[in-house]
C-alpha atoms as a PDB file:
ATOM      1  CA  MET A   1      50.081 -41.897 -45.306  1.00  0.00           C
ATOM      2  CA  LEU A   2      47.354 -39.610 -45.960  1.00  0.00           C
ATOM      3  CA  ASP A   3      47.870 -37.345 -42.991  1.00  0.00           C
ATOM      4  CA  ASP A   4      51.854 -36.967 -44.797  1.00  0.00           C
ATOM      5  CA  ASP A   5      49.684 -35.600 -47.713  1.00  0.00           C
ATOM      6  CA  ALA A   6      47.480 -33.097 -45.831  1.00  0.00           C
ATOM      7  CA  SER A   7      50.671 -31.685 -44.101  1.00  0.00           C
ATOM      8  CA  LYS A   8      52.377 -30.820 -46.725  1.00  0.00           C
ATOM      9  CA  ALA A   9      49.449 -29.285 -48.899  1.00  0.00           C
ATOM     10  CA  GLN A  10      49.154 -26.822 -45.961  1.00  0.00           C
ATOM     11  CA  PRO A  11      51.619 -24.638 -45.001  1.00  0.00           C
ATOM     12  CA  ASP A  12      52.926 -24.134 -41.367  1.00  0.00           C
ATOM     13  CA  SER A  13      52.315 -20.437 -41.171  1.00  0.00           C
ATOM     14  CA  LEU A  14      49.608 -18.547 -42.916  1.00  0.00           C
ATOM     15  CA  GLU A  15      50.217 -15.097 -44.420  1.00  0.00           C
ATOM     16  CA  PRO A  16      47.792 -12.128 -44.130  1.00  0.00           C
ATOM     17  CA  VAL A  17      46.335 -11.042 -47.622  1.00  0.00           C
ATOM     18  CA  SER A  18      46.716  -7.670 -48.535  1.00  0.00           C
ATOM     19  CA  THR A  19      44.052  -5.830 -49.869  1.00  0.00           C
ATOM     20  CA  GLY A  20      46.597  -3.603 -51.881  1.00  0.00           C
ATOM     21  CA  ASP A  21      44.771  -0.108 -49.856  1.00  0.00           C
ATOM     22  CA  GLU A  22      47.347   0.686 -47.685  1.00  0.00           C
ATOM     23  CA  ALA A  23      45.537   4.051 -46.608  1.00  0.00           C
ATOM     24  CA  GLU A  24      42.678   2.193 -45.551  1.00  0.00           C
ATOM     25  CA  GLN A  25      44.464  -0.141 -43.292  1.00  0.00           C
ATOM     26  CA  SER A  26      46.156   2.535 -41.761  1.00  0.00           C
ATOM     27  CA  ALA A  27      42.979   4.030 -40.487  1.00  0.00           C
ATOM     28  CA  PRO A  28      41.554   3.352 -37.144  1.00  0.00           C
ATOM     29  CA  PRO A  29      38.938   0.445 -37.211  1.00  0.00           C
ATOM     30  CA  PHE A  30      36.153   2.592 -35.549  1.00  0.00           C
ATOM     31  CA  ALA A  31      34.276   5.212 -37.052  1.00  0.00           C
ATOM     32  CA  SER A  32      34.588   8.884 -35.920  1.00  0.00           C
ATOM     33  CA  LEU A  33      33.352  10.279 -32.295  1.00  0.00           C
ATOM     34  CA  ALA A  34      30.150  12.065 -34.013  1.00  0.00           C
ATOM     35  CA  ASP A  35      29.249   8.772 -35.782  1.00  0.00           C
ATOM     36  CA  ASP A  36      29.261   7.212 -32.303  1.00  0.00           C
ATOM     37  CA  VAL A  37      26.947   9.722 -30.497  1.00  0.00           C
ATOM     38  CA  SER A  38      24.349   9.923 -33.555  1.00  0.00           C
ATOM     39  CA  ALA A  39      24.317   6.305 -33.340  1.00  0.00           C
ATOM     40  CA  LEU A  40      23.676   6.826 -29.772  1.00  0.00           C
ATOM     41  CA  ILE A  41      21.068   9.078 -30.167  1.00  0.00           C
ATOM     42  CA  GLU A  42      19.599   7.182 -32.639  1.00  0.00           C
ATOM     43  CA  ASP A  43      19.832   3.941 -29.989  1.00  0.00           C
ATOM     44  CA  GLY A  44      18.071   6.018 -27.156  1.00  0.00           C
ATOM     45  CA  LYS A  45      15.504   7.379 -29.770  1.00  0.00           C
ATOM     46  CA  THR A  46      14.603   3.836 -30.831  1.00  0.00           C
ATOM     47  CA  TYR A  47      14.417   2.531 -26.920  1.00  0.00           C
ATOM     48  CA  LEU A  48      12.141   5.326 -26.039  1.00  0.00           C
ATOM     49  CA  ASP A  49       9.716   4.503 -28.681  1.00  0.00           C
ATOM     50  CA  ALA A  50       9.839   0.873 -27.665  1.00  0.00           C
ATOM     51  CA  GLU A  51       9.170   1.846 -23.824  1.00  0.00           C
ATOM     52  CA  ILE A  52       6.584   4.382 -24.824  1.00  0.00           C
ATOM     53  CA  ALA A  53       4.527   1.308 -26.801  1.00  0.00           C
ATOM     54  CA  TYR A  54       5.133  -1.201 -24.207  1.00  0.00           C
ATOM     55  CA  GLN A  55       3.828   1.178 -21.544  1.00  0.00           C
ATOM     56  CA  LYS A  56       0.722   2.052 -23.966  1.00  0.00           C
ATOM     57  CA  THR A  57       0.266  -1.865 -24.112  1.00  0.00           C
ATOM     58  CA  ARG A  58       0.576  -2.349 -20.340  1.00  0.00           C
ATOM     59  CA  ALA A  59      -1.933   0.672 -19.470  1.00  0.00           C
ATOM     60  CA  SER A  60      -4.157  -0.369 -22.022  1.00  0.00           C
ATOM     61  CA  TYR A  61      -4.008  -3.802 -20.257  1.00  0.00           C
ATOM     62  CA  ALA A  62      -4.618  -2.737 -16.896  1.00  0.00           C
ATOM     63  CA  GLY A  63      -7.328  -0.493 -17.678  1.00  0.00           C
ATOM     64  CA  GLU A  64      -9.205  -3.727 -19.535  1.00  0.00           C
ATOM     65  CA  GLN A  65      -8.894  -5.659 -16.618  1.00  0.00           C
ATOM     66  CA  ALA A  66     -10.017  -3.024 -13.955  1.00  0.00           C
ATOM     67  CA  ARG A  67     -13.028  -2.663 -16.122  1.00  0.00           C
ATOM     68  CA  GLN A  68     -13.846  -6.333 -16.403  1.00  0.00           C
ATOM     69  CA  GLY A  69     -13.260  -5.930 -12.673  1.00  0.00           C
ATOM     70  CA  LEU A  70     -15.566  -3.590 -12.087  1.00  0.00           C
ATOM     71  CA  VAL A  71     -18.508  -5.116 -14.123  1.00  0.00           C
ATOM     72  CA  LEU A  72     -17.887  -8.298 -12.176  1.00  0.00           C
ATOM     73  CA  GLY A  73     -18.275  -7.028  -9.080  1.00  0.00           C
ATOM     74  CA  LEU A  74     -21.119  -4.977  -9.742  1.00  0.00           C
ATOM     75  CA  GLY A  75     -22.563  -8.604 -10.758  1.00  0.00           C
ATOM     76  CA  ALA A  76     -21.417  -9.678  -7.728  1.00  0.00           C
ATOM     77  CA  LEU A  77     -23.177  -6.895  -5.538  1.00  0.00           C
ATOM     78  CA  ALA A  78     -26.160  -7.312  -7.606  1.00  0.00           C
ATOM     79  CA  PHE A  79     -26.448 -10.920  -6.557  1.00  0.00           C
ATOM     80  CA  LEU A  80     -26.088 -10.016  -3.135  1.00  0.00           C
ATOM     81  CA  HIS A  81     -28.532  -7.520  -3.296  1.00  0.00           C
ATOM     82  CA  LEU A  82     -30.969 -10.589  -4.326  1.00  0.00           C
ATOM     83  CA  ALA A  83     -30.166 -12.550  -1.556  1.00  0.00           C
ATOM     84  CA  LEU A  84     -30.560 -10.052   0.803  1.00  0.00           C
ATOM     85  CA  ILE A  85     -33.887  -9.433  -0.531  1.00  0.00           C
ATOM     86  CA  GLY A  86     -34.543 -12.964  -0.390  1.00  0.00           C
ATOM     87  CA  LEU A  87     -33.670 -13.005   3.439  1.00  0.00           C
ATOM     88  CA  VAL A  88     -35.930  -9.924   4.282  1.00  0.00           C
ATOM     89  CA  VAL A  89     -38.800 -11.713   2.345  1.00  0.00           C
ATOM     90  CA  GLY A  90     -38.076 -15.208   4.544  1.00  0.00           C
ATOM     91  CA  LEU A  91     -37.586 -13.365   7.648  1.00  0.00           C
ATOM     92  CA  ILE A  92     -40.995 -11.663   7.109  1.00  0.00           C
ATOM     93  CA  ILE A  93     -42.602 -15.221   6.357  1.00  0.00           C
ATOM     94  CA  ALA A  94     -40.511 -16.393   8.931  1.00  0.00           C
ATOM     95  CA  LEU A  95     -42.152 -13.976  11.410  1.00  0.00           C
ATOM     96  CA  GLU A  96     -45.682 -14.164  10.368  1.00  0.00           C
ATOM     97  CA  PRO A  97     -46.878 -16.733  12.631  1.00  0.00           C
ATOM     98  CA  PHE A  98     -45.459 -14.815  15.808  1.00  0.00           C
ATOM     99  CA  LEU A  99     -46.461 -11.467  15.019  1.00  0.00           C
ATOM    100  CA  THR A 100     -49.255 -11.513  12.009  1.00  0.00           C
ATOM    101  CA  ALA A 101     -48.150 -10.587   8.687  1.00  0.00           C
ATOM    102  CA  PHE A 102     -48.605  -6.779   9.183  1.00  0.00           C
ATOM    103  CA  GLY A 103     -46.803  -7.324  12.076  1.00  0.00           C
ATOM    104  CA  SER A 104     -43.958  -9.423  11.122  1.00  0.00           C
ATOM    105  CA  LEU A 105     -43.592  -6.567   8.256  1.00  0.00           C
ATOM    106  CA  ALA A 106     -43.438  -3.721  10.744  1.00  0.00           C
ATOM    107  CA  ALA A 107     -41.101  -5.294  12.651  1.00  0.00           C
ATOM    108  CA  VAL A 108     -38.581  -6.374   9.605  1.00  0.00           C
ATOM    109  CA  VAL A 109     -39.224  -2.782   8.052  1.00  0.00           C
ATOM    110  CA  GLY A 110     -38.614  -1.027  11.420  1.00  0.00           C
ATOM    111  CA  THR A 111     -35.585  -2.628  11.991  1.00  0.00           C
ATOM    112  CA  LEU A 112     -33.899  -1.961   8.639  1.00  0.00           C
ATOM    113  CA  LEU A 113     -34.719   1.416   8.925  1.00  0.00           C
ATOM    114  CA  ILE A 114     -33.106   1.946  11.855  1.00  0.00           C
ATOM    115  CA  GLY A 115     -30.138   0.617  10.557  1.00  0.00           C
ATOM    116  CA  VAL A 116     -30.365   3.081   7.877  1.00  0.00           C
ATOM    117  CA  ALA A 117     -30.252   6.014  10.081  1.00  0.00           C
ATOM    118  CA  VAL A 118     -27.265   4.590  12.191  1.00  0.00           C
ATOM    119  CA  PHE A 119     -25.361   3.986   9.018  1.00  0.00           C
ATOM    120  CA  ALA A 120     -26.397   7.691   7.418  1.00  0.00           C
ATOM    121  CA  MET A 121     -25.680   9.093  11.114  1.00  0.00           C
ATOM    122  CA  LEU A 122     -22.139   7.594  11.150  1.00  0.00           C
ATOM    123  CA  ALA A 123     -21.401   8.779   7.154  1.00  0.00           C
ATOM    124  CA  SER A 124     -22.657  12.552   8.006  1.00  0.00           C
ATOM    125  CA  ARG A 125     -20.225  12.733  10.820  1.00  0.00           C
ATOM    126  CA  ARG A 126     -17.406  10.992   8.700  1.00  0.00           C
ATOM    127  CA  PHE A 127     -18.268  13.804   5.783  1.00  0.00           C
ATOM    128  CA  LYS A 128     -18.384  16.641   8.555  1.00  0.00           C
ATOM    129  CA  ALA A 129     -14.834  15.581   9.271  1.00  0.00           C
ATOM    130  CA  LEU A 130     -13.737  15.350   5.838  1.00  0.00           C
ATOM    131  CA  GLY A 131     -15.136  18.672   5.215  1.00  0.00           C
ATOM    132  CA  SER A 132     -13.386  19.929   7.908  1.00  0.00           C
ATOM    133  CA  ALA A 133      -9.982  18.553   6.987  1.00  0.00           C
ATOM    134  CA  PHE A 134      -9.627  21.016   3.801  1.00  0.00           C
ATOM    135  CA  LYS A 135     -10.922  24.015   5.122  1.00  0.00           C
ATOM    136  CA  SER A 136      -8.675  26.550   5.912  1.00  0.00           C
ATOM    137  CA  GLU A 137      -7.896  28.869   8.578  1.00  0.00           C
ATOM    138  CA  THR A 138      -9.252  32.511   6.678  1.00  0.00           C
ATOM    139  CA  ASP A 139     -12.764  30.094   5.982  1.00  0.00           C
ATOM    140  CA  GLU A 140     -13.162  29.760   9.725  1.00  0.00           C
ATOM    141  CA  GLN A 141     -12.733  33.174  10.384  1.00  0.00           C
ATOM    142  CA  VAL A 142     -15.022  34.431   7.962  1.00  0.00           C
END
């Protein structure tokens, strides 16, 4: 019974409501090409500003992480240096019964100095090779 009343209250077909302004309805529902281009340019500027801000934030984050990584790496190298000092002192003490105090000191320091000389020689060769790679042919003729 209620269904019959509801169907009588609503018409079967709806008619469009006219606003009374027929000139507006005859115009296309989209803006002109110039308006579209200006909106596109504004959107491009907004995108560019957002991308620049994002890249600045990203670079700042990467720089901060690199700085913190460098500080932590230097801390690790400092502890490694202390450990190697302890190893050298321990080696001197361990060799003292066999070579006397000054003998063990001379053996350990002498071995370390030989290592320094070998690494310095290898580094010198690398730097000479690097320098020769940047020489031009006119530098060699002079």
